[in-house]
Every structure is written in structure tokens, then in C-alpha cells.
PDB file of N, CA and C in Angstrom:
ATOM      1  N   MET A   1       0.846  -1.183   0.000  1.00  0.00           N
ATOM      2  CA  MET A   1       0.000   0.000   0.000  1.00  0.00           C
ATOM      3  C   MET A   1       0.885   1.237   0.000  1.00  0.00           C
ATOM      4  N   ALA A   2       0.609   2.150  -0.878  1.00  0.00           N
ATOM      5  CA  ALA A   2       1.380   3.386  -0.992  1.00  0.00           C
ATOM      6  C   ALA A   2       0.991   4.337   0.135  1.00  0.00           C
ATOM      7  N   ALA A   3       1.905   5.214   0.483  1.00  0.00           N
ATOM      8  CA  ALA A   3       1.647   6.169   1.547  1.00  0.00           C
ATOM      9  C   ALA A   3       2.272   7.513   1.191  1.00  0.00           C
ATOM     10  N   VAL A   4       1.688   8.564   1.743  1.00  0.00           N
ATOM     11  CA  VAL A   4       2.192   9.922   1.556  1.00  0.00           C
ATOM     12  C   VAL A   4       2.570  10.447   2.932  1.00  0.00           C
ATOM     13  N   ARG A   5       3.731  11.062   3.022  1.00  0.00           N
ATOM     14  CA  ARG A   5       4.162  11.643   4.283  1.00  0.00           C
ATOM     15  C   ARG A   5       3.988  13.148   4.189  1.00  0.00           C
ATOM     16  N   LEU A   6       3.202  13.699   5.100  1.00  0.00           N
ATOM     17  CA  LEU A   6       2.986  15.145   5.183  1.00  0.00           C
ATOM     18  C   LEU A   6       3.437  15.603   6.557  1.00  0.00           C
ATOM     19  N   GLY A   7       4.593  16.210   6.609  1.00  0.00           N
ATOM     20  CA  GLY A   7       5.137  16.591   7.906  1.00  0.00           C
ATOM     21  C   GLY A   7       5.464  15.342   8.704  1.00  0.00           C
ATOM     22  N   LYS A   8       4.851  15.212   9.866  1.00  0.00           N
ATOM     23  CA  LYS A   8       5.081  14.040  10.707  1.00  0.00           C
ATOM     24  C   LYS A   8       4.016  12.971  10.502  1.00  0.00           C
ATOM     25  N   ARG A   9       3.029  13.250   9.693  1.00  0.00           N
ATOM     26  CA  ARG A   9       1.932  12.304   9.475  1.00  0.00           C
ATOM     27  C   ARG A   9       2.196  11.441   8.249  1.00  0.00           C
ATOM     28  N   ARG A  10       1.724  10.213   8.321  1.00  0.00           N
ATOM     29  CA  ARG A  10       1.822   9.284   7.199  1.00  0.00           C
ATOM     30  C   ARG A  10       0.410   8.849   6.848  1.00  0.00           C
ATOM     31  N   ILE A  11       0.003   9.088   5.597  1.00  0.00           N
ATOM     32  CA  ILE A  11      -1.356   8.797   5.154  1.00  0.00           C
ATOM     33  C   ILE A  11      -1.286   7.712   4.088  1.00  0.00           C
ATOM     34  N   ASN A  12      -1.990   6.618   4.322  1.00  0.00           N
ATOM     35  CA  ASN A  12      -2.033   5.532   3.348  1.00  0.00           C
ATOM     36  C   ASN A  12      -2.965   5.902   2.203  1.00  0.00           C
ATOM     37  N   VAL A  13      -2.526   5.617   0.985  1.00  0.00           N
ATOM     38  CA  VAL A  13      -3.317   5.891  -0.210  1.00  0.00           C
ATOM     39  C   VAL A  13      -3.567   4.551  -0.900  1.00  0.00           C
ATOM     40  N   PRO A  14      -4.792   4.033  -0.814  1.00  0.00           N
ATOM     41  CA  PRO A  14      -5.065   2.706  -1.375  1.00  0.00           C
ATOM     42  C   PRO A  14      -5.222   2.727  -2.890  1.00  0.00           C
ATOM     43  N   GLY A  15      -5.242   1.539  -3.468  1.00  0.00           N
ATOM     44  CA  GLY A  15      -5.512   1.410  -4.894  1.00  0.00           C
ATOM     45  C   GLY A  15      -4.266   1.169  -5.719  1.00  0.00           C
ATOM     46  N   THR A  16      -4.496   0.845  -6.963  1.00  0.00           N
ATOM     47  CA  THR A  16      -3.395   0.653  -7.896  1.00  0.00           C
ATOM     48  C   THR A  16      -2.946   2.015  -8.416  1.00  0.00           C
ATOM     49  N   PRO A  17      -1.780   2.083  -9.033  1.00  0.00           N
ATOM     50  CA  PRO A  17      -1.302   3.376  -9.548  1.00  0.00           C
ATOM     51  C   PRO A  17      -2.275   4.037 -10.527  1.00  0.00           C
ATOM     52  N   ILE A  18      -2.917   3.268 -11.382  1.00  0.00           N
ATOM     53  CA  ILE A  18      -3.860   3.852 -12.349  1.00  0.00           C
ATOM     54  C   ILE A  18      -5.032   4.497 -11.611  1.00  0.00           C
ATOM     55  N   VAL A  19      -5.550   3.800 -10.599  1.00  0.00           N
ATOM     56  CA  VAL A  19      -6.681   4.345  -9.833  1.00  0.00           C
ATOM     57  C   VAL A  19      -6.262   5.623  -9.110  1.00  0.00           C
ATOM     58  N   ARG A  20      -5.056   5.624  -8.516  1.00  0.00           N
ATOM     59  CA  ARG A  20      -4.590   6.819  -7.806  1.00  0.00           C
ATOM     60  C   ARG A  20      -4.414   7.991  -8.757  1.00  0.00           C
ATOM     61  N   ILE A  21      -3.879   7.733  -9.953  1.00  0.00           N
ATOM     62  CA  ILE A  21      -3.691   8.812 -10.933  1.00  0.00           C
ATOM     63  C   ILE A  21      -5.041   9.374 -11.362  1.00  0.00           C
ATOM     64  N   VAL A  22      -6.004   8.511 -11.624  1.00  0.00           N
ATOM     65  CA  VAL A  22      -7.342   8.973 -12.023  1.00  0.00           C
ATOM     66  C   VAL A  22      -7.974   9.785 -10.901  1.00  0.00           C
ATOM     67  N   ILE A  23      -7.873   9.296  -9.667  1.00  0.00           N
ATOM     68  CA  ILE A  23      -8.448  10.037  -8.523  1.00  0.00           C
ATOM     69  C   ILE A  23      -7.768  11.391  -8.374  1.00  0.00           C
ATOM     70  N   GLY A  24      -6.435  11.430  -8.496  1.00  0.00           N
ATOM     71  CA  GLY A  24      -5.711  12.696  -8.372  1.00  0.00           C
ATOM     72  C   GLY A  24      -6.102  13.699  -9.442  1.00  0.00           C
ATOM     73  N   VAL A  25      -6.208  13.235 -10.677  1.00  0.00           N
ATOM     74  CA  VAL A  25      -6.598  14.131 -11.774  1.00  0.00           C
ATOM     75  C   VAL A  25      -8.022  14.632 -11.570  1.00  0.00           C
ATOM     76  N   LEU A  26      -8.925  13.740 -11.164  1.00  0.00           N
ATOM     77  CA  LEU A  26     -10.310  14.166 -10.918  1.00  0.00           C
ATOM     78  C   LEU A  26     -10.393  15.175  -9.773  1.00  0.00           C
ATOM     79  N   LEU A  27      -9.625  14.963  -8.719  1.00  0.00           N
ATOM     80  CA  LEU A  27      -9.627  15.921  -7.612  1.00  0.00           C
ATOM     81  C   LEU A  27      -9.153  17.299  -8.084  1.00  0.00           C
ATOM     82  N   ILE A  28      -8.132  17.323  -8.925  1.00  0.00           N
ATOM     83  CA  ILE A  28      -7.631  18.608  -9.429  1.00  0.00           C
ATOM     84  C   ILE A  28      -8.666  19.266 -10.340  1.00  0.00           C
ATOM     85  N   ILE A  29      -9.290  18.492 -11.223  1.00  0.00           N
ATOM     86  CA  ILE A  29     -10.302  19.058 -12.127  1.00  0.00           C
ATOM     87  C   ILE A  29     -11.487  19.600 -11.336  1.00  0.00           C
ATOM     88  N   PHE A  30     -11.996  18.798 -10.388  1.00  0.00           N
ATOM     89  CA  PHE A  30     -13.132  19.262  -9.590  1.00  0.00           C
ATOM     90  C   PHE A  30     -12.723  20.390  -8.643  1.00  0.00           C
ATOM     91  N   GLY A  31     -11.459  20.430  -8.244  1.00  0.00           N
ATOM     92  CA  GLY A  31     -10.972  21.524  -7.409  1.00  0.00           C
ATOM     93  C   GLY A  31     -10.982  22.847  -8.141  1.00  0.00           C
ATOM     94  N   MET A  32     -10.786  22.798  -9.459  1.00  0.00           N
ATOM     95  CA  MET A  32     -10.861  24.028 -10.251  1.00  0.00           C
ATOM     96  C   MET A  32     -12.293  24.543 -10.330  1.00  0.00           C
ATOM     97  N   LEU A  33     -13.243  23.701 -10.025  1.00  0.00           N
ATOM     98  CA  LEU A  33     -14.650  24.111  -9.978  1.00  0.00           C
ATOM     99  C   LEU A  33     -15.057  24.455  -8.544  1.00  0.00           C
ATOM    100  N   GLY A  34     -14.111  24.921  -7.773  1.00  0.00           N
ATOM    101  CA  GLY A  34     -14.330  25.196  -6.357  1.00  0.00           C
ATOM    102  C   GLY A  34     -15.369  26.257  -6.064  1.00  0.00           C
ATOM    103  N   PHE A  35     -15.696  27.068  -7.032  1.00  0.00           N
ATOM    104  CA  PHE A  35     -16.701  28.100  -6.811  1.00  0.00           C
ATOM    105  C   PHE A  35     -18.103  27.508  -6.769  1.00  0.00           C
ATOM    106  N   LEU A  36     -18.259  26.261  -7.223  1.00  0.00           N
ATOM    107  CA  LEU A  36     -19.567  25.600  -7.155  1.00  0.00           C
ATOM    108  C   LEU A  36     -19.811  25.084  -5.739  1.00  0.00           C
ATOM    109  N   PRO A  37     -21.081  24.964  -5.331  1.00  0.00           N
ATOM    110  CA  PRO A  37     -21.383  24.612  -3.946  1.00  0.00           C
ATOM    111  C   PRO A  37     -20.833  23.262  -3.490  1.00  0.00           C
ATOM    112  N   PHE A  38     -20.855  22.257  -4.331  1.00  0.00           N
ATOM    113  CA  PHE A  38     -20.467  20.917  -3.893  1.00  0.00           C
ATOM    114  C   PHE A  38     -18.957  20.734  -3.859  1.00  0.00           C
ATOM    115  N   PHE A  39     -18.259  21.317  -4.818  1.00  0.00           N
ATOM    116  CA  PHE A  39     -16.817  21.157  -4.917  1.00  0.00           C
ATOM    117  C   PHE A  39     -16.133  22.243  -4.110  1.00  0.00           C
ATOM    118  N   GLY A  40     -14.857  22.072  -3.869  1.00  0.00           N
ATOM    119  CA  GLY A  40     -14.127  23.076  -3.112  1.00  0.00           C
ATOM    120  C   GLY A  40     -12.698  23.179  -3.584  1.00  0.00           C
ATOM    121  N   PHE A  41     -12.074  24.295  -3.264  1.00  0.00           N
ATOM    122  CA  PHE A  41     -10.693  24.507  -3.657  1.00  0.00           C
ATOM    123  C   PHE A  41      -9.743  23.616  -2.857  1.00  0.00           C
ATOM    124  N   TRP A  42     -10.221  23.001  -1.773  1.00  0.00           N
ATOM    125  CA  TRP A  42      -9.419  22.080  -0.991  1.00  0.00           C
ATOM    126  C   TRP A  42      -9.047  20.843  -1.811  1.00  0.00           C
ATOM    127  N   MET A  43      -9.760  20.598  -2.897  1.00  0.00           N
ATOM    128  CA  MET A  43      -9.484  19.418  -3.724  1.00  0.00           C
ATOM    129  C   MET A  43      -8.190  19.561  -4.522  1.00  0.00           C
ATOM    130  N   LEU A  44      -7.772  20.778  -4.813  1.00  0.00           N
ATOM    131  CA  LEU A  44      -6.544  20.991  -5.584  1.00  0.00           C
ATOM    132  C   LEU A  44      -5.309  20.436  -4.873  1.00  0.00           C
ATOM    133  N   PRO A  45      -5.014  20.869  -3.641  1.00  0.00           N
ATOM    134  CA  PRO A  45      -3.825  20.319  -2.994  1.00  0.00           C
ATOM    135  C   PRO A  45      -3.948  18.820  -2.708  1.00  0.00           C
ATOM    136  N   LEU A  46      -5.146  18.352  -2.436  1.00  0.00           N
ATOM    137  CA  LEU A  46      -5.334  16.923  -2.195  1.00  0.00           C
ATOM    138  C   LEU A  46      -5.035  16.120  -3.461  1.00  0.00           C
ATOM    139  N   GLY A  47      -5.455  16.629  -4.606  1.00  0.00           N
ATOM    140  CA  GLY A  47      -5.152  15.970  -5.870  1.00  0.00           C
ATOM    141  C   GLY A  47      -3.659  15.933  -6.144  1.00  0.00           C
ATOM    142  N   VAL A  48      -2.956  17.008  -5.829  1.00  0.00           N
ATOM    143  CA  VAL A  48      -1.502  17.039  -6.015  1.00  0.00           C
ATOM    144  C   VAL A  48      -0.835  16.014  -5.105  1.00  0.00           C
ATOM    145  N   VAL A  49      -1.308  15.906  -3.875  1.00  0.00           N
ATOM    146  CA  VAL A  49      -0.737  14.928  -2.940  1.00  0.00           C
ATOM    147  C   VAL A  49      -0.960  13.508  -3.444  1.00  0.00           C
ATOM    148  N   VAL A  50      -2.161  13.216  -3.928  1.00  0.00           N
ATOM    149  CA  VAL A  50      -2.448  11.870  -4.437  1.00  0.00           C
ATOM    150  C   VAL A  50      -1.604  11.581  -5.678  1.00  0.00           C
ATOM    151  N   LEU A  51      -1.469  12.541  -6.558  1.00  0.00           N
ATOM    152  CA  LEU A  51      -0.648  12.336  -7.757  1.00  0.00           C
ATOM    153  C   LEU A  51       0.838  12.190  -7.427  1.00  0.00           C
ATOM    154  N   SER A  52       1.276  12.827  -6.344  1.00  0.00           N
ATOM    155  CA  SER A  52       2.701  12.789  -6.010  1.00  0.00           C
ATOM    156  C   SER A  52       3.164  11.403  -5.584  1.00  0.00           C
ATOM    157  N   VAL A  53       2.238  10.510  -5.286  1.00  0.00           N
ATOM    158  CA  VAL A  53       2.627   9.151  -4.940  1.00  0.00           C
ATOM    159  C   VAL A  53       3.234   8.452  -6.145  1.00  0.00           C
ATOM    160  N   ASP A  54       2.669   8.653  -7.319  1.00  0.00           N
ATOM    161  CA  ASP A  54       3.072   7.909  -8.502  1.00  0.00           C
ATOM    162  C   ASP A  54       3.842   8.703  -9.543  1.00  0.00           C
ATOM    163  N   LEU A  55       3.712  10.001  -9.566  1.00  0.00           N
ATOM    164  CA  LEU A  55       4.348  10.817 -10.615  1.00  0.00           C
ATOM    165  C   LEU A  55       5.518  11.614 -10.029  1.00  0.00           C
ATOM    166  N   HIS A  56       6.709  11.330 -10.497  1.00  0.00           N
ATOM    167  CA  HIS A  56       7.912  11.954  -9.957  1.00  0.00           C
ATOM    168  C   HIS A  56       7.935  13.478 -10.101  1.00  0.00           C
ATOM    169  N   PRO A  57       7.535  14.048 -11.250  1.00  0.00           N
ATOM    170  CA  PRO A  57       7.559  15.514 -11.347  1.00  0.00           C
ATOM    171  C   PRO A  57       6.627  16.184 -10.330  1.00  0.00           C
ATOM    172  N   VAL A  58       5.480  15.568 -10.083  1.00  0.00           N
ATOM    173  CA  VAL A  58       4.545  16.135  -9.105  1.00  0.00           C
ATOM    174  C   VAL A  58       5.123  15.996  -7.703  1.00  0.00           C
ATOM    175  N   ARG A  59       5.772  14.862  -7.431  1.00  0.00           N
ATOM    176  CA  ARG A  59       6.401  14.654  -6.120  1.00  0.00           C
ATOM    177  C   ARG A  59       7.492  15.691  -5.895  1.00  0.00           C
ATOM    178  N   ARG A  60       8.287  15.956  -6.934  1.00  0.00           N
ATOM    179  CA  ARG A  60       9.355  16.945  -6.823  1.00  0.00           C
ATOM    180  C   ARG A  60       8.772  18.328  -6.551  1.00  0.00           C
ATOM    181  N   PHE A  61       7.693  18.679  -7.267  1.00  0.00           N
ATOM    182  CA  PHE A  61       7.033  19.972  -7.049  1.00  0.00           C
ATOM    183  C   PHE A  61       6.519  20.068  -5.611  1.00  0.00           C
ATOM    184  N   ARG A  62       5.870  19.010  -5.124  1.00  0.00           N
ATOM    185  CA  ARG A  62       5.320  19.011  -3.759  1.00  0.00           C
ATOM    186  C   ARG A  62       6.436  19.151  -2.737  1.00  0.00           C
ATOM    187  N   ARG A  63       7.531  18.444  -2.945  1.00  0.00           N
ATOM    188  CA  ARG A  63       8.642  18.508  -1.997  1.00  0.00           C
ATOM    189  C   ARG A  63       9.272  19.898  -1.984  1.00  0.00           C
ATOM    190  N   ARG A  64       9.461  20.485  -3.153  1.00  0.00           N
ATOM    191  CA  ARG A  64      10.010  21.848  -3.197  1.00  0.00           C
ATOM    192  C   ARG A  64       9.092  22.829  -2.493  1.00  0.00           C
ATOM    193  N   PHE A  65       7.779  22.663  -2.671  1.00  0.00           N
ATOM    194  CA  PHE A  65       6.826  23.531  -1.999  1.00  0.00           C
ATOM    195  C   PHE A  65       6.896  23.343  -0.485  1.00  0.00           C
ATOM    196  N   GLU A  66       7.021  22.093  -0.024  1.00  0.00           N
ATOM    197  CA  GLU A  66       7.128  21.841   1.405  1.00  0.00           C
ATOM    198  C   GLU A  66       8.369  22.501   1.998  1.00  0.00           C
ATOM    199  N   VAL A  67       9.492  22.403   1.297  1.00  0.00           N
ATOM    200  CA  VAL A  67      10.727  23.011   1.781  1.00  0.00           C
ATOM    201  C   VAL A  67      10.579  24.527   1.817  1.00  0.00           C
ATOM    202  N   TRP A  68      10.043  25.109   0.746  1.00  0.00           N
ATOM    203  CA  TRP A  68       9.835  26.562   0.699  1.00  0.00           C
ATOM    204  C   TRP A  68       8.914  27.009   1.831  1.00  0.00           C
ATOM    205  N   TRP A  69       7.822  26.277   2.053  1.00  0.00           N
ATOM    206  CA  TRP A  69       6.856  26.645   3.083  1.00  0.00           C
ATOM    207  C   TRP A  69       7.487  26.550   4.472  1.00  0.00           C
ATOM    208  N   GLY A  70       8.285  25.516   4.706  1.00  0.00           N
ATOM    209  CA  GLY A  70       8.940  25.367   6.000  1.00  0.00           C
ATOM    210  C   GLY A  70       9.923  26.493   6.269  1.00  0.00           C
ATOM    211  N   ARG A  71      10.701  26.855   5.266  1.00  0.00           N
ATOM    212  CA  ARG A  71      11.648  27.968   5.433  1.00  0.00           C
ATOM    213  C   ARG A  71      10.905  29.269   5.662  1.00  0.00           C
ATOM    214  N   ARG A  72       9.817  29.473   4.959  1.00  0.00           N
ATOM    215  CA  ARG A  72       9.013  30.692   5.120  1.00  0.00           C
ATOM    216  C   ARG A  72       8.444  30.773   6.533  1.00  0.00           C
ATOM    217  N   ARG A  73       7.899  29.660   7.020  1.00  0.00           N
ATOM    218  CA  ARG A  73       7.338  29.632   8.375  1.00  0.00           C
ATOM    219  C   ARG A  73       8.414  29.926   9.409  1.00  0.00           C
ATOM    220  N   ARG A  74       9.589  29.322   9.230  1.00  0.00           N
ATOM    221  CA  ARG A  74      10.683  29.538  10.178  1.00  0.00           C
ATOM    222  C   ARG A  74      11.110  31.005  10.181  1.00  0.00           C
ATOM    223  N   ARG A  75      11.193  31.623   8.979  1.00  0.00           N
ATOM    224  CA  ARG A  75      11.595  33.024   8.879  1.00  0.00           C
ATOM    225  C   ARG A  75      10.556  33.938   9.530  1.00  0.00           C
ATOM    226  N   LYS A  76       9.262  33.665   9.245  1.00  0.00           N
ATOM    227  CA  LYS A  76       8.196  34.495   9.828  1.00  0.00           C
ATOM    228  C   LYS A  76       8.200  34.380  11.348  1.00  0.00           C
ATOM    229  N   ARG A  77       8.401  33.150  11.858  1.00  0.00           N
ATOM    230  CA  ARG A  77       8.437  32.943  13.299  1.00  0.00           C
ATOM    231  C   ARG A  77       9.582  33.726  13.931  1.00  0.00           C
ATOM    232  N   ALA A  78      10.748  33.714  13.278  1.00  0.00           N
ATOM    233  CA  ALA A  78      11.903  34.451  13.792  1.00  0.00           C
ATOM    234  C   ALA A  78      11.648  35.954  13.755  1.00  0.00           C
ATOM    235  N   GLU A  79      10.989  36.444  12.702  1.00  0.00           N
ATOM    236  CA  GLU A  79      10.674  37.877  12.619  1.00  0.00           C
ATOM    237  C   GLU A  79       9.707  38.284  13.724  1.00  0.00           C
ATOM    238  N   ARG A  80       8.706  37.447  13.978  1.00  0.00           N
ATOM    239  CA  ARG A  80       7.757  37.764  15.054  1.00  0.00           C
ATOM    240  C   ARG A  80       8.438  37.761  16.413  1.00  0.00           C
ATOM    241  N   ARG A  81       9.317  36.785  16.633  1.00  0.00           N
ATOM    242  CA  ARG A  81      10.032  36.707  17.897  1.00  0.00           C
ATOM    243  C   ARG A  81      10.911  37.943  18.084  1.00  0.00           C
ATOM    244  N   ALA A  82      11.591  38.390  17.015  1.00  0.00           N
ATOM    245  CA  ALA A  82      12.446  39.571  17.096  1.00  0.00           C
ATOM    246  C   ALA A  82      11.608  40.822  17.357  1.00  0.00           C
ATOM    247  N   ALA A  83      10.455  40.924  16.707  1.00  0.00           N
ATOM    248  CA  ALA A  83       9.583  42.086  16.922  1.00  0.00           C
ATOM    249  C   ALA A  83       9.072  42.106  18.355  1.00  0.00           C
ATOM    250  N   ARG A  84       8.741  40.942  18.895  1.00  0.00           N
ATOM    251  CA  ARG A  84       8.264  40.862  20.271  1.00  0.00           C
ATOM    252  C   ARG A  84       9.364  41.265  21.244  1.00  0.00           C
ATOM    253  N   GLN A  85      10.611  40.884  20.946  1.00  0.00           N
ATOM    254  CA  GLN A  85      11.729  41.250  21.809  1.00  0.00           C
ATOM    255  C   GLN A  85      11.969  42.758  21.797  1.00  0.00           C
ATOM    256  N   ARG A  86      11.754  43.390  20.637  1.00  0.00           N
ATOM    257  CA  ARG A  86      11.934  44.843  20.550  1.00  0.00           C
ATOM    258  C   ARG A  86      10.855  45.582  21.325  1.00  0.00           C
ATOM    259  N   GLN A  87       9.668  45.008  21.433  1.00  0.00           N
ATOM    260  CA  GLN A  87       8.560  45.682  22.096  1.00  0.00           C
ATOM    261  C   GLN A  87       8.608  45.551  23.612  1.00  0.00           C
ATOM    262  N   LEU A  88       9.324  44.575  24.135  1.00  0.00           N
ATOM    263  CA  LEU A  88       9.387  44.386  25.579  1.00  0.00           C
ATOM    264  C   LEU A  88      10.178  45.526  26.219  1.00  0.00           C
ATOM    265  N   PRO A  89       9.684  46.038  27.343  1.00  0.00           N
ATOM    266  CA  PRO A  89      10.442  47.102  28.037  1.00  0.00           C
ATOM    267  C   PRO A  89      11.701  46.480  28.657  1.00  0.00           C
ATOM    268  N   PRO A  90      12.725  47.301  28.807  1.00  0.00           N
ATOM    269  CA  PRO A  90      13.950  46.777  29.415  1.00  0.00           C
ATOM    270  C   PRO A  90      13.665  46.327  30.851  1.00  0.00           C
ATOM    271  N   SER A  91      14.271  45.242  31.242  1.00  0.00           N
ATOM    272  CA  SER A  91      14.027  44.724  32.594  1.00  0.00           C
ATOM    273  C   SER A  91      14.776  45.577  33.608  1.00  0.00           C
ATOM    274  N   VAL A  92      14.182  45.713  34.758  1.00  0.00           N
ATOM    275  CA  VAL A  92      14.759  46.521  35.835  1.00  0.00           C
ATOM    276  C   VAL A  92      15.347  45.563  36.861  1.00  0.00           C
ATOM    277  N   ASP A  93      16.621  45.748  37.202  1.00  0.00           N
ATOM    278  CA  ASP A  93      17.258  44.895  38.193  1.00  0.00           C
ATOM    279  C   ASP A  93      16.965  45.454  39.582  1.00  0.00           C
ATOM    280  N   PRO A  94      16.312  44.687  40.441  1.00  0.00           N
ATOM    281  CA  PRO A  94      16.040  45.163  41.812  1.00  0.00           C
ATOM    282  C   PRO A  94      17.267  44.922  42.696  1.00  0.00           C
ATOM    283  N   GLN A  95      18.181  45.881  42.793  1.00  0.00           N
ATOM    284  CA  GLN A  95      19.383  45.717  43.618  1.00  0.00           C
ATOM    285  C   GLN A  95      19.374  46.644  44.775  1.00  0.00           C
TER     286      GLN A  95
END
């Protein structure tokens, strides 16, 4: 059984490669119809994840996006921490 690792989670993706590719393509197509009531834009990333199990170019794209997103999150977190440190009043030593 194939699996996709997202961060620390491992999600099993059942089916044969042909079935997974068809499901991934359908999720992406229906995700583009996200403005309709039944479908949603959440289907786009899910379709990419399902396709990344079997298609190397999609897997490479997903991995690059994960690395970029992780670096971005780390940078934003560091910027917020630095801004918070600048806003704190200097500590007073009670001597």
C-alpha cells in the first residue's frame, strides 16, 4: 500500500497506480470548480498529494513547496520573535 508523508503524518493511499492517478486528476479538475457549492478549492492540494505518490515531477514539485513553506514559516516565526523582543520594556534589576 502506498503512503504519503505530510510533515510528521503518514497517510495511506489505497488502490493501484492507475486508480490513484485517475483520482488525483479528478480531484484537481473538480478543485478548479471550487466556486460551485459541492466542490471546493481544498481538492486541488489533495489531488496534487495523491498524484505525487506515482508521478515523480509532481512529487518533486510538492517537496520543493514543502521546503519553501517550511523555510518561510521559520523566517516568519523568527521575525515575530524579534519584533516581540523589541517591544518588551527593558528589565529593571532590583538591587
